[in-house]
Protein backbone atom coordinates (compact mmCIF):
# COMPACT_ATOMS: atom_id res chain seq x y z
CA MET A 1 97.59 92.60 131.69
CA PRO A 2 94.86 92.80 129.18
CA ARG A 3 94.66 96.07 127.19
CA ARG A 4 92.09 98.80 128.14
CA THR A 5 89.44 99.76 125.52
CA PRO A 6 90.41 103.02 124.11
CA PRO A 7 88.06 106.05 123.85
CA PRO A 8 85.94 106.25 120.79
CA VAL A 9 87.59 107.91 117.55
CA ARG A 10 86.01 110.56 115.41
CA THR A 11 83.81 108.95 112.72
CA ALA A 12 83.95 109.82 108.85
CA ALA A 13 81.37 109.74 106.24
CA ALA A 14 80.80 106.20 104.55
CA THR A 15 82.08 105.90 100.95
CA VAL A 16 79.88 105.46 98.09
CA LEU A 17 78.52 101.84 97.57
CA ALA A 18 79.18 102.02 94.01
CA ALA A 19 82.84 102.85 94.39
CA ALA A 20 83.47 100.09 96.94
CA VAL A 21 83.06 97.39 94.36
CA THR A 22 84.57 99.36 91.47
CA LEU A 23 87.53 101.19 92.95
CA ALA A 24 89.03 98.97 95.62
CA MET A 25 92.49 98.81 96.02
CA THR A 26 93.96 95.16 96.82
CA GLY A 27 96.98 93.14 96.86
CA CYS A 28 98.69 89.90 98.12
CA GLY A 29 99.38 89.38 101.81
CA GLY A 30 101.78 87.65 104.08
CA ALA A 31 102.85 87.37 107.47
CA ALA A 32 103.83 90.41 109.45
CA ARG A 33 107.56 90.62 110.01
CA PRO A 34 107.89 90.11 113.60
CA SER A 35 109.42 93.06 115.66
CA THR A 36 109.27 91.56 119.34
CA SER A 37 110.04 88.57 121.00
CA THR A 38 108.52 89.65 124.34
CA PRO A 39 106.10 87.34 126.13
CA LEU A 40 102.60 86.84 124.99
CA VAL A 41 99.55 88.43 126.63
CA GLU A 42 96.74 85.90 127.30
CA HIS A 43 93.06 87.01 127.25
CA GLY A 44 94.21 90.64 125.89
CA THR A 45 92.44 93.33 124.03
CA VAL A 46 93.90 94.18 120.50
CA ARG A 47 92.86 97.64 119.21
CA ILE A 48 92.47 97.97 115.25
CA ALA A 49 92.07 101.18 113.27
CA ALA A 50 89.62 101.09 110.20
CA SER A 51 89.73 104.12 107.87
CA SER A 52 85.84 104.00 107.42
CA GLU A 53 82.86 103.13 109.65
CA THR A 54 80.81 100.06 109.23
CA PRO A 55 77.13 100.91 109.04
CA SER A 56 76.16 97.19 108.79
CA PHE A 57 77.72 93.85 109.93
CA ASP A 58 75.78 91.92 107.43
CA PRO A 59 78.49 89.87 105.78
CA TYR A 60 76.38 90.01 102.42
CA SER A 61 76.35 93.85 102.47
CA THR A 62 79.20 95.96 101.08
CA PHE A 63 80.23 97.32 104.30
CA GLY A 64 79.84 93.98 106.29
CA ALA A 65 81.79 91.84 103.92
CA ALA A 66 85.05 93.75 105.08
CA GLN A 67 84.64 92.90 108.69
CA ALA A 68 83.02 89.34 108.02
CA ARG A 69 86.37 87.30 108.78
CA TYR A 70 85.85 87.95 112.50
CA ALA A 71 82.72 86.35 112.87
CA TYR A 72 82.21 84.22 109.88
CA ASP A 73 83.91 81.27 108.31
CA SER A 74 83.71 80.04 104.54
CA LEU A 75 84.10 76.74 103.12
CA VAL A 76 87.68 77.28 102.16
CA SER A 77 90.12 79.78 103.05
CA LEU A 78 93.02 81.50 101.55
CA ALA A 79 96.64 81.20 103.04
CA PRO A 80 99.10 84.15 102.94
CA ASP A 81 100.57 82.65 99.85
CA GLY A 82 97.44 82.38 98.23
CA ALA A 83 97.01 78.67 98.30
CA VAL A 84 93.39 77.51 99.16
CA VAL A 85 93.22 75.65 102.45
CA PRO A 86 90.62 74.07 104.59
CA GLY A 87 87.80 76.06 106.26
CA LEU A 88 84.44 74.68 107.13
CA ALA A 89 85.24 72.09 104.47
CA THR A 90 87.80 69.60 104.83
CA SER A 91 88.14 68.54 101.18
CA TRP A 92 86.67 69.51 97.86
CA ARG A 93 86.43 68.85 94.37
CA ALA A 94 85.64 71.17 91.57
CA SER A 95 84.97 71.45 87.59
CA THR A 96 84.18 74.30 85.61
CA THR A 97 80.27 73.73 86.25
CA THR A 98 80.24 71.64 89.65
CA ALA A 99 82.01 71.89 93.16
CA THR A 100 81.29 69.63 96.16
CA PHE A 101 82.55 70.33 99.40
CA THR A 102 82.59 67.88 102.39
CA LEU A 103 82.05 69.64 105.81
CA ARG A 104 84.25 69.22 108.99
CA PRO A 105 82.28 67.43 111.71
CA GLY A 106 81.59 69.43 115.07
CA ILE A 107 80.90 72.73 113.62
CA THR A 108 78.55 75.12 115.80
CA CYS A 109 77.10 78.41 115.20
CA SER A 110 77.65 81.19 117.62
CA ASP A 111 74.08 80.28 119.10
CA GLY A 112 75.29 76.73 119.71
CA THR A 113 73.29 75.30 116.73
CA PRO A 114 75.17 72.75 114.79
CA LEU A 115 76.08 73.63 111.18
CA THR A 116 74.43 71.28 108.72
CA ALA A 117 74.98 70.97 104.93
CA SER A 118 71.53 72.12 104.48
CA ALA A 119 72.37 75.19 106.36
CA VAL A 120 75.32 76.01 104.13
CA ALA A 121 73.33 75.37 101.09
CA ARG A 122 70.62 77.76 102.32
CA ALA A 123 73.22 80.62 102.96
CA LEU A 124 74.67 79.97 99.43
CA THR A 125 71.18 80.20 97.90
CA TYR A 126 70.21 83.25 99.76
CA ALA A 127 73.27 84.99 99.03
CA GLY A 128 73.28 84.12 95.39
CA ASP A 129 69.49 85.24 94.73
CA PRO A 130 69.44 88.31 92.50
CA ALA A 131 66.22 89.42 94.32
CA ASN A 132 67.96 89.81 97.59
CA GLN A 133 70.44 92.48 95.92
CA LEU A 134 73.31 91.62 98.24
CA ALA A 135 76.15 93.78 96.83
CA GLY A 136 78.89 92.36 99.23
CA ALA A 137 77.87 88.81 98.41
CA GLN A 138 77.72 89.62 94.69
CA THR A 139 81.55 90.75 94.81
CA VAL A 140 82.51 87.11 96.11
CA LEU A 141 80.01 84.72 94.08
CA PRO A 142 80.23 83.70 90.52
CA ASP A 143 78.68 86.14 88.11
CA VAL A 144 76.89 83.25 86.59
CA PRO A 145 73.59 81.61 88.09
CA PHE A 146 74.03 78.51 90.28
CA THR A 147 72.18 76.35 92.48
CA ALA A 148 73.10 74.74 95.88
CA THR A 149 72.35 71.40 97.23
CA ALA A 150 72.83 69.40 100.41
CA ASP A 151 73.20 65.94 101.51
CA ASP A 152 73.13 66.19 105.50
CA PRO A 153 74.10 62.39 106.08
CA ALA A 154 77.30 62.65 104.03
CA GLY A 155 77.73 66.19 105.23
CA THR A 156 78.49 67.44 101.41
CA VAL A 157 77.30 70.57 99.84
CA SER A 158 77.27 70.64 96.09
CA VAL A 159 76.87 73.70 93.62
CA GLY A 160 76.26 73.56 89.94
CA THR A 161 76.22 76.14 87.29
CA ALA A 162 74.43 76.15 83.83
CA THR A 163 77.46 77.86 82.06
CA PRO A 164 81.21 77.29 82.80
CA PHE A 165 82.61 79.23 85.59
CA PRO A 166 86.41 78.14 86.37
CA PHE A 167 86.78 79.62 89.87
CA LEU A 168 83.80 78.07 91.97
CA THR A 169 86.22 76.91 94.73
CA ARG A 170 87.75 80.38 94.97
CA THR A 171 84.19 82.14 94.90
CA VAL A 172 81.39 79.91 96.35
CA GLY A 173 84.20 78.52 98.79
CA LEU A 174 84.93 81.93 100.06
CA LEU A 175 81.60 83.28 100.79
CA PRO A 176 81.08 83.84 104.61
CA ILE A 177 78.32 81.54 105.78
CA VAL A 178 75.39 83.00 107.51
CA CYS A 179 73.59 80.69 110.17
CA PRO A 180 69.89 79.76 110.11
CA ALA A 181 69.39 82.30 112.93
CA GLY A 182 70.86 85.01 110.88
CA LEU A 183 68.71 83.83 107.61
CA ASP A 184 65.46 83.72 109.61
CA HIS A 185 65.94 87.46 110.71
CA PRO A 186 68.21 89.30 108.16
CA ARG A 187 67.84 92.73 109.37
CA SER A 188 69.30 91.71 112.67
CA LEU A 189 72.67 91.04 111.07
CA ASP A 190 73.29 94.59 110.68
CA ARG A 191 73.93 94.81 114.52
CA ALA A 192 74.78 91.27 115.44
CA THR A 193 76.38 88.42 114.17
CA GLN A 194 75.34 84.81 113.40
CA GLY A 195 78.24 82.78 111.97
CA THR A 196 80.42 79.96 112.84
CA GLY A 197 83.71 82.17 113.23
CA PRO A 198 86.15 82.70 115.99
CA TYR A 199 84.69 85.94 117.40
CA VAL A 200 81.07 87.29 117.87
CA LEU A 201 80.39 91.04 117.59
CA SER A 202 79.40 91.82 121.35
CA ARG A 203 79.34 95.58 121.16
CA TYR A 204 78.27 98.23 118.32
CA SER A 205 78.30 101.98 118.37
CA PRO A 206 77.21 104.00 115.29
CA GLY A 207 80.59 105.18 113.95
CA GLY A 208 82.50 102.82 116.03
CA PRO A 209 84.08 101.41 118.15
CA TYR A 210 83.19 97.97 117.29
CA GLU A 211 83.86 95.10 119.77
CA PHE A 212 84.43 91.36 118.98
CA THR A 213 84.52 88.82 121.82
CA VAL A 214 86.34 85.58 121.22
CA ARG A 215 84.50 82.11 121.22
CA GLU A 216 85.65 79.25 123.10
CA GLY A 217 85.99 75.89 121.68
CA TYR A 218 86.51 76.98 118.17
CA THR A 219 88.59 74.33 116.58
CA TRP A 220 87.64 74.56 112.86
CA GLY A 221 89.56 77.77 111.65
CA PRO A 222 91.61 78.15 108.52
CA ALA A 223 93.89 74.75 107.93
CA GLY A 224 92.58 73.80 111.58
CA ALA A 225 93.37 76.83 113.45
CA THR A 226 91.69 77.16 117.12
CA THR A 227 90.82 80.02 119.53
CA ALA A 228 92.89 78.04 122.26
CA ALA A 229 96.22 79.26 120.91
CA PRO A 230 98.30 81.19 123.32
CA GLY A 231 98.32 84.84 122.59
CA LEU A 232 95.19 84.94 120.62
CA PRO A 233 93.32 88.09 121.87
CA ALA A 234 89.84 87.81 123.96
CA ARG A 235 88.84 91.04 122.47
CA ILE A 236 89.07 92.88 119.24
CA VAL A 237 88.22 96.62 119.32
CA ILE A 238 87.86 98.44 116.05
CA SER A 239 87.96 102.16 116.15
CA VAL A 240 87.28 104.31 113.01
CA VAL A 241 90.29 106.64 112.19
CA PRO A 242 89.80 108.18 108.62
CA GLN A 243 93.14 110.00 108.28
CA ALA A 244 96.39 108.19 107.63
CA SER A 245 98.38 110.77 109.51
CA THR A 246 96.44 110.25 112.46
CA THR A 247 96.56 106.46 112.27
CA ALA A 248 100.40 106.70 112.43
CA ASN A 249 100.36 108.81 115.25
CA LEU A 250 98.36 106.52 117.13
CA LEU A 251 100.63 103.51 116.05
CA LEU A 252 103.55 105.52 117.38
CA THR A 253 102.01 106.43 120.55
CA GLY A 254 100.28 103.03 121.35
CA GLY A 255 96.70 104.28 120.79
CA VAL A 256 96.05 101.33 118.27
CA ASP A 257 97.80 97.98 117.95
CA ILE A 258 97.10 97.27 114.35
CA ALA A 259 96.45 99.36 111.16
CA GLY A 260 96.88 99.79 107.69
CA VAL A 261 98.71 102.96 106.34
CA ASP A 262 99.69 103.90 102.95
CA GLY A 263 101.27 107.22 101.27
CA PRO A 264 104.03 109.29 102.69
CA ASP A 265 103.06 108.40 106.44
CA ARG A 266 104.48 105.15 105.87
CA ALA A 267 107.93 106.70 106.10
CA ARG A 268 107.46 107.79 109.70
CA LEU A 269 106.71 104.15 110.69
CA THR A 270 109.91 103.07 109.78
CA GLY A 271 112.38 101.87 112.75
CA HIS A 272 110.02 102.16 115.44
CA GLY A 273 109.85 98.47 116.24
CA LEU A 274 106.47 97.89 114.60
CA SER A 275 105.74 94.54 112.91
CA ALA A 276 104.62 95.19 109.33
CA THR A 277 103.45 93.27 106.21
CA ASP A 278 103.46 94.94 102.73
CA VAL A 279 100.26 94.89 100.59
CA PRO A 280 100.80 95.13 96.79
CA THR A 281 98.34 97.50 95.20
CA VAL A 282 97.85 99.08 91.77
CA VAL A 283 97.72 103.02 91.72
CA GLY A 284 96.14 105.12 89.19
CA MET A 285 93.86 102.84 87.10
CA THR A 286 92.77 104.89 84.11
CA PHE A 287 89.94 104.40 81.85
CA PHE A 288 89.02 105.82 78.61
CA ASN A 289 85.54 106.75 77.93
CA GLN A 290 84.55 104.97 74.40
CA ARG A 291 80.91 105.46 74.39
CA PRO A 292 79.41 106.64 71.03
CA GLY A 293 80.16 110.30 70.34
CA ARG A 294 83.22 110.66 72.74
CA PRO A 295 86.50 111.16 70.97
CA LEU A 296 88.27 108.45 72.78
CA ALA A 297 85.80 105.95 71.10
CA ASP A 298 88.47 105.99 68.13
CA PRO A 299 91.20 103.54 69.22
CA ALA A 300 93.85 105.20 67.08
CA LEU A 301 93.50 108.18 69.24
CA ARG A 302 93.62 106.30 72.51
CA ARG A 303 96.77 104.47 71.47
CA ALA A 304 98.47 107.63 70.49
CA LEU A 305 97.69 109.42 73.59
CA VAL A 306 98.86 106.50 75.92
CA SER A 307 101.87 106.36 73.69
CA ALA A 308 102.96 109.75 74.53
CA LEU A 309 102.80 109.26 78.48
CA ASP A 310 105.97 109.00 80.24
CA ARG A 311 105.12 105.82 82.26
CA GLN A 312 108.12 106.19 84.61
CA GLY A 313 107.49 109.67 85.48
CA LEU A 314 103.74 108.85 86.13
CA ALA A 315 104.62 105.92 88.27
CA ASN A 316 107.02 108.06 90.23
CA VAL A 317 104.29 110.72 90.83
CA ALA A 318 101.35 108.09 91.65
CA VAL A 319 103.55 106.56 94.44
CA GLY A 320 104.77 109.70 95.90
CA GLY A 321 108.58 108.63 95.17
CA THR A 322 110.37 106.31 92.98
CA GLY A 323 107.68 104.24 91.44
CA ARG A 324 107.62 101.13 89.03
CA PRO A 325 105.11 101.33 86.22
CA ALA A 326 102.38 99.04 86.59
CA THR A 327 102.81 95.52 84.96
CA ASP A 328 99.10 94.23 85.10
CA PHE A 329 95.50 95.49 85.77
CA GLY A 330 95.47 93.56 89.04
CA ALA A 331 98.29 93.76 92.03
CA GLU A 332 100.83 91.22 92.37
CA GLY A 333 99.46 88.31 94.14
CA ALA A 334 96.25 88.04 91.98
CA VAL A 335 95.39 84.79 90.33
CA CYS A 336 97.05 84.80 86.86
CA HIS A 337 99.10 87.93 87.49
CA ALA A 338 101.92 88.59 84.90
CA ASP A 339 104.00 91.25 83.32
CA LEU A 340 101.92 92.20 80.59
CA ALA A 341 101.86 95.98 80.09
CA ALA A 342 105.42 96.80 78.61
CA ALA A 343 105.13 94.29 75.84
CA ASN A 344 101.63 95.25 75.05
CA LEU A 345 100.89 98.89 75.35
CA PRO A 346 101.17 101.33 72.21
CA THR A 347 104.79 102.57 71.54
CA GLN A 348 104.38 104.29 68.42
CA GLU A 349 105.62 108.06 68.21
CA ALA A 350 102.51 110.00 69.24
CA VAL A 351 102.73 112.78 66.89
CA GLU A 352 103.06 110.75 63.83
CA ALA A 353 100.29 108.55 64.99
CA LEU A 354 97.99 111.42 65.54
CA ARG A 355 98.52 112.62 62.05
CA ALA A 356 97.92 108.95 60.85
CA ALA A 357 94.66 109.13 62.65
CA GLY A 358 93.64 112.38 60.89
CA TRP A 359 94.15 114.66 63.77
CA THR A 360 96.36 117.79 62.79
CA ARG A 361 97.48 120.92 64.62
CA GLY A 362 96.17 124.18 63.41
CA PRO A 363 97.73 127.74 63.60
CA ASP A 364 96.82 128.02 67.21
CA GLY A 365 98.78 124.84 68.10
CA ARG A 366 95.34 122.81 68.87
CA LEU A 367 94.65 119.55 67.42
CA ALA A 368 91.72 119.11 65.31
CA LYS A 369 90.12 116.74 62.88
CA ASP A 370 87.53 117.09 60.25
CA GLY A 371 87.33 120.76 61.90
CA ARG A 372 86.42 119.48 65.23
CA PRO A 373 89.12 120.51 68.12
CA LEU A 374 90.04 117.65 70.64
CA ARG A 375 88.69 118.41 73.89
CA LEU A 376 89.09 116.10 76.79
CA ARG A 377 87.50 115.89 80.15
CA LEU A 378 90.10 114.28 82.50
CA ILE A 379 88.46 113.68 86.24
CA THR A 380 90.10 112.14 89.12
CA SER A 381 89.37 112.19 92.97
CA PRO A 382 91.72 113.02 96.06
CA ASP A 383 89.37 110.80 98.00
CA LEU A 384 90.83 107.60 96.25
CA GLY A 385 94.50 108.75 97.01
CA PRO A 386 96.57 111.93 97.52
CA THR A 387 98.78 111.25 94.56
CA LEU A 388 96.10 110.80 91.91
CA PRO A 389 95.60 114.43 91.11
CA PRO A 390 99.19 115.04 90.56
CA ALA A 391 99.24 111.84 88.22
CA ALA A 392 96.31 113.34 86.36
CA GLU A 393 98.03 116.69 86.06
CA LEU A 394 101.00 115.16 84.44
CA MET A 395 98.80 113.40 81.84
CA ALA A 396 96.87 116.58 81.33
CA ARG A 397 100.33 118.59 80.83
CA THR A 398 101.63 115.79 78.24
CA TRP A 399 98.47 115.81 76.20
CA THR A 400 98.32 119.61 76.37
CA ALA A 401 101.62 119.60 74.78
CA LEU A 402 100.44 117.57 71.89
CA GLY A 403 97.69 120.25 71.14
CA ALA A 404 94.79 118.61 72.89
CA ASP A 405 92.57 120.91 74.98
CA VAL A 406 92.48 119.05 78.33
CA LYS A 407 90.10 120.17 81.26
CA LEU A 408 91.29 118.61 84.41
CA VAL A 409 88.45 118.21 86.92
CA THR A 410 88.98 117.06 90.63
CA GLU A 411 85.86 115.61 92.08
CA SER A 412 84.62 114.38 95.43
CA LEU A 413 84.14 110.73 95.33
CA PRO A 414 80.47 111.11 95.06
CA ALA A 415 80.86 113.24 91.98
CA LEU A 416 83.13 111.02 90.37
CA VAL A 417 81.12 107.95 90.91
CA ASN A 418 78.12 109.98 89.51
CA ALA A 419 80.20 110.90 86.29
CA MET A 420 81.17 107.35 85.70
CA TYR A 421 77.72 105.72 86.33
CA GLN A 422 75.05 108.43 85.92
CA THR A 423 76.24 111.18 83.56
CA GLY A 424 78.91 109.77 81.62
CA ASP A 425 80.43 113.15 81.54
CA PHE A 426 84.22 112.18 81.24
CA ASP A 427 86.72 111.12 78.70
CA ILE A 428 89.46 109.74 81.26
CA VAL A 429 88.96 108.71 84.73
CA VAL A 430 91.86 108.38 86.97
CA GLY A 431 91.12 106.17 90.08
CA THR A 432 92.22 103.22 91.88
CA SER A 433 92.47 99.77 90.44
CA PRO A 434 89.38 97.33 90.65
CA GLY A 435 92.13 94.93 91.96
CA PHE A 436 90.28 91.64 91.86
CA ALA A 437 91.78 88.71 93.16
CA LEU A 438 90.46 86.80 90.20
CA PRO A 439 90.65 87.76 86.40
CA VAL A 440 86.75 87.07 86.17
CA GLY A 441 86.11 90.14 88.22
CA PHE A 442 87.26 92.42 85.53
CA ILE A 443 84.78 91.12 83.16
CA PRO A 444 81.64 93.32 83.64
CA PHE A 445 84.24 96.46 83.51
CA PHE A 446 85.54 95.46 80.15
CA SER A 447 82.70 94.21 78.22
CA GLY A 448 78.92 94.06 78.34
CA PRO A 449 76.22 96.75 78.87
CA THR A 450 77.00 100.27 80.25
CA PRO A 451 75.16 101.77 83.32
CA ALA A 452 72.46 101.25 84.36
CA GLN A 453 72.16 97.67 82.87
CA GLY A 454 75.77 96.90 83.36
CA LEU A 455 79.03 98.08 84.99
CA ASN A 456 81.17 98.90 81.77
CA PHE A 457 80.97 102.59 82.49
CA ALA A 458 83.75 103.24 79.96
CA GLY A 459 81.75 101.53 77.25
CA VAL A 460 84.76 99.18 76.20
CA THR A 461 84.24 97.10 73.23
CA ASN A 462 87.00 94.73 72.38
CA PRO A 463 85.94 91.63 70.59
CA GLU A 464 89.37 89.97 70.87
CA TYR A 465 89.14 90.26 74.53
CA ASP A 466 85.60 88.70 74.66
CA THR A 467 86.51 85.76 72.63
CA LEU A 468 89.69 84.90 74.97
CA VAL A 469 87.43 85.25 78.02
CA ALA A 470 84.97 82.87 76.67
CA GLN A 471 87.67 80.38 76.05
CA ALA A 472 89.23 80.92 79.53
CA LEU A 473 85.71 80.47 81.14
CA ARG A 474 86.11 76.95 79.98
CA GLU A 475 89.29 76.03 81.57
CA GLN A 476 89.45 74.80 85.27
CA ASP A 477 90.98 77.42 87.78
CA THR A 478 94.50 78.36 86.85
CA GLU A 479 94.79 76.25 83.99
CA GLY A 480 93.13 79.09 82.07
CA CYS A 481 95.76 81.73 83.20
CA GLY A 482 97.40 81.79 79.47
CA ALA A 483 93.97 82.65 78.01
CA TRP A 484 93.23 85.15 80.73
CA ASN A 485 96.44 86.90 80.09
CA ARG A 486 96.09 86.99 76.44
CA ALA A 487 92.74 88.48 77.09
CA ALA A 488 94.26 91.12 79.23
CA ALA A 489 96.94 91.88 76.58
CA ALA A 490 94.36 92.53 74.14
CA LEU A 491 93.08 95.43 76.30
CA PHE A 492 96.45 96.87 76.77
CA ARG A 493 96.95 96.69 72.99
CA ALA A 494 93.63 98.63 72.36
CA ALA A 495 94.63 101.22 75.10
CA ASP A 496 91.22 100.36 76.54
CA ALA A 497 92.61 101.27 80.25
CA LEU A 498 95.93 102.25 81.81
CA PRO A 499 97.24 101.10 85.33
CA ILE A 500 99.78 103.67 86.08
CA ALA A 501 101.82 102.01 89.11
CA ASP A 502 102.42 99.43 91.25
CA GLY A 503 102.26 100.38 94.54
CA ARG A 504 102.31 99.48 98.24
CA SER A 505 100.46 100.10 101.40
CA THR A 506 101.54 98.34 104.67
CA VAL A 507 99.52 96.71 107.51
CA TYR A 508 101.58 97.51 110.75
CA GLY A 509 101.32 96.08 114.24
CA ARG A 510 102.55 97.58 117.76
CA SER A 511 103.63 94.57 120.00
CA THR A 512 101.48 92.18 117.78
CA THR A 513 102.17 89.74 115.02
CA PHE A 514 99.61 88.58 112.39
CA ALA A 515 99.15 87.07 109.04
CA THR A 516 97.14 88.75 105.95
CA THR A 517 95.67 87.36 103.00
CA PHE A 518 95.00 88.91 99.38
CA GLY A 519 94.06 92.76 100.08
CA GLY A 520 95.94 92.90 103.65
CA GLN A 521 92.96 91.28 105.22
CA LEU A 522 93.81 90.16 108.70
CA VAL A 523 93.50 86.36 109.39
CA PRO A 524 91.87 86.89 113.05
CA THR A 525 93.33 83.40 114.40
CA SER A 526 96.81 84.44 113.31
CA ILE A 527 96.64 87.62 115.69
CA ARG A 528 99.05 87.61 118.66
CA LEU A 529 99.46 89.92 121.42
CA HIS A 530 102.72 90.52 122.94
CA GLN A 531 103.68 92.57 126.17
């Protein structure tokens, strides 16, 4: 029998937009490990828990981008193993400055309008126009200007850039395509969907729940997936459940069918017959403020402080158990991910390194240089994860033992973002990883202007990184991984940032199976509901 729609769940305040780009946790995906062999449910309802509400379903907005996969398709898709597979396009070719996609015939928008190459080019142009200030689209698209053109008789869409960009297929190709009816009335996209995807938004309530209804005749999903597959739900209902403990309870009691859970609540879900897929993450991404006048503008001081840390102990705290020190800035499964940290982080003896840099301990045990004491403002927020304040506290204790005067401040997420992007009043910030799937995503955070002109909130200046990035941008797709990894290694050697631990979150299913892509995002056409 179809599942009944659950009652609305209590809402939570939406997170800060700026943090959604900078402090997102992501990882690679996979197929959920099956826990049931019971018969499939036809035309049923799957209930999904989301941790925050969606004030806009515009796929080019920050919030709508997270739910776009249900109602919108892209030119290509990512398989659970990270491979690029056909989406709206059956084939494509790309260089570092051009990409051409050939559309699948017979695609229609949810209003019945046939999708043309011109419509796709129009959507790409609209999403990429800086004047439209579409934050969600900008996190997907290349960070270089591009133009999009169409050949309707040939069914092809071409994109060109004035400067090299190596990942056109994995950026332009993954943008959700809004149909002409949506582009004609962009404000309507907040509460209605106008795409080619397998579902349409059929009910919206402020704070949730949100309901999607399946489309009949859909045959152009990732790698040719269709909505005629047995067990595919006829409805998807998304409720907002902000607390991980509440989400875990609902999974155990049958209140929801699919939900992501991280932290200690995962232990409660083991052994209860739930399907599951693990999502690698990076926990405790730490930035050091290098702006003029801040003490950590001195690279020798940064290296000394990093070398003093017990990375294994920090990793254990950051994951709330036995952890593994992070190996890279991004999570396992990211393009060009490599084991870089251990071989490149500073390892000198901290006290000697401090002395060599001119920092000496006075009679009171405090470090000072040229009569100026070493004072550090270390900030973090439990809103980004319950283990971050304890990890920051361990850092503070270590540096205090060396003689630094460390002020540990636990902030709300808005206050943390304000310190990072407005006041600049911090020396160390411990958050979650930017976690981009592509190494190009890190560029504005490790180079370029500081806010408000840019995103380099820590004022990182690393000429070696900049040179290697320029080289990597001239190489196509993963051919440049060697240069990208050397660039990341340069950041580690300069102690420009420190990822603390490789972590895991898990997406669970009750009487369901499914696949996820990078970041634990559900593949809607993979969801199957069982009795």
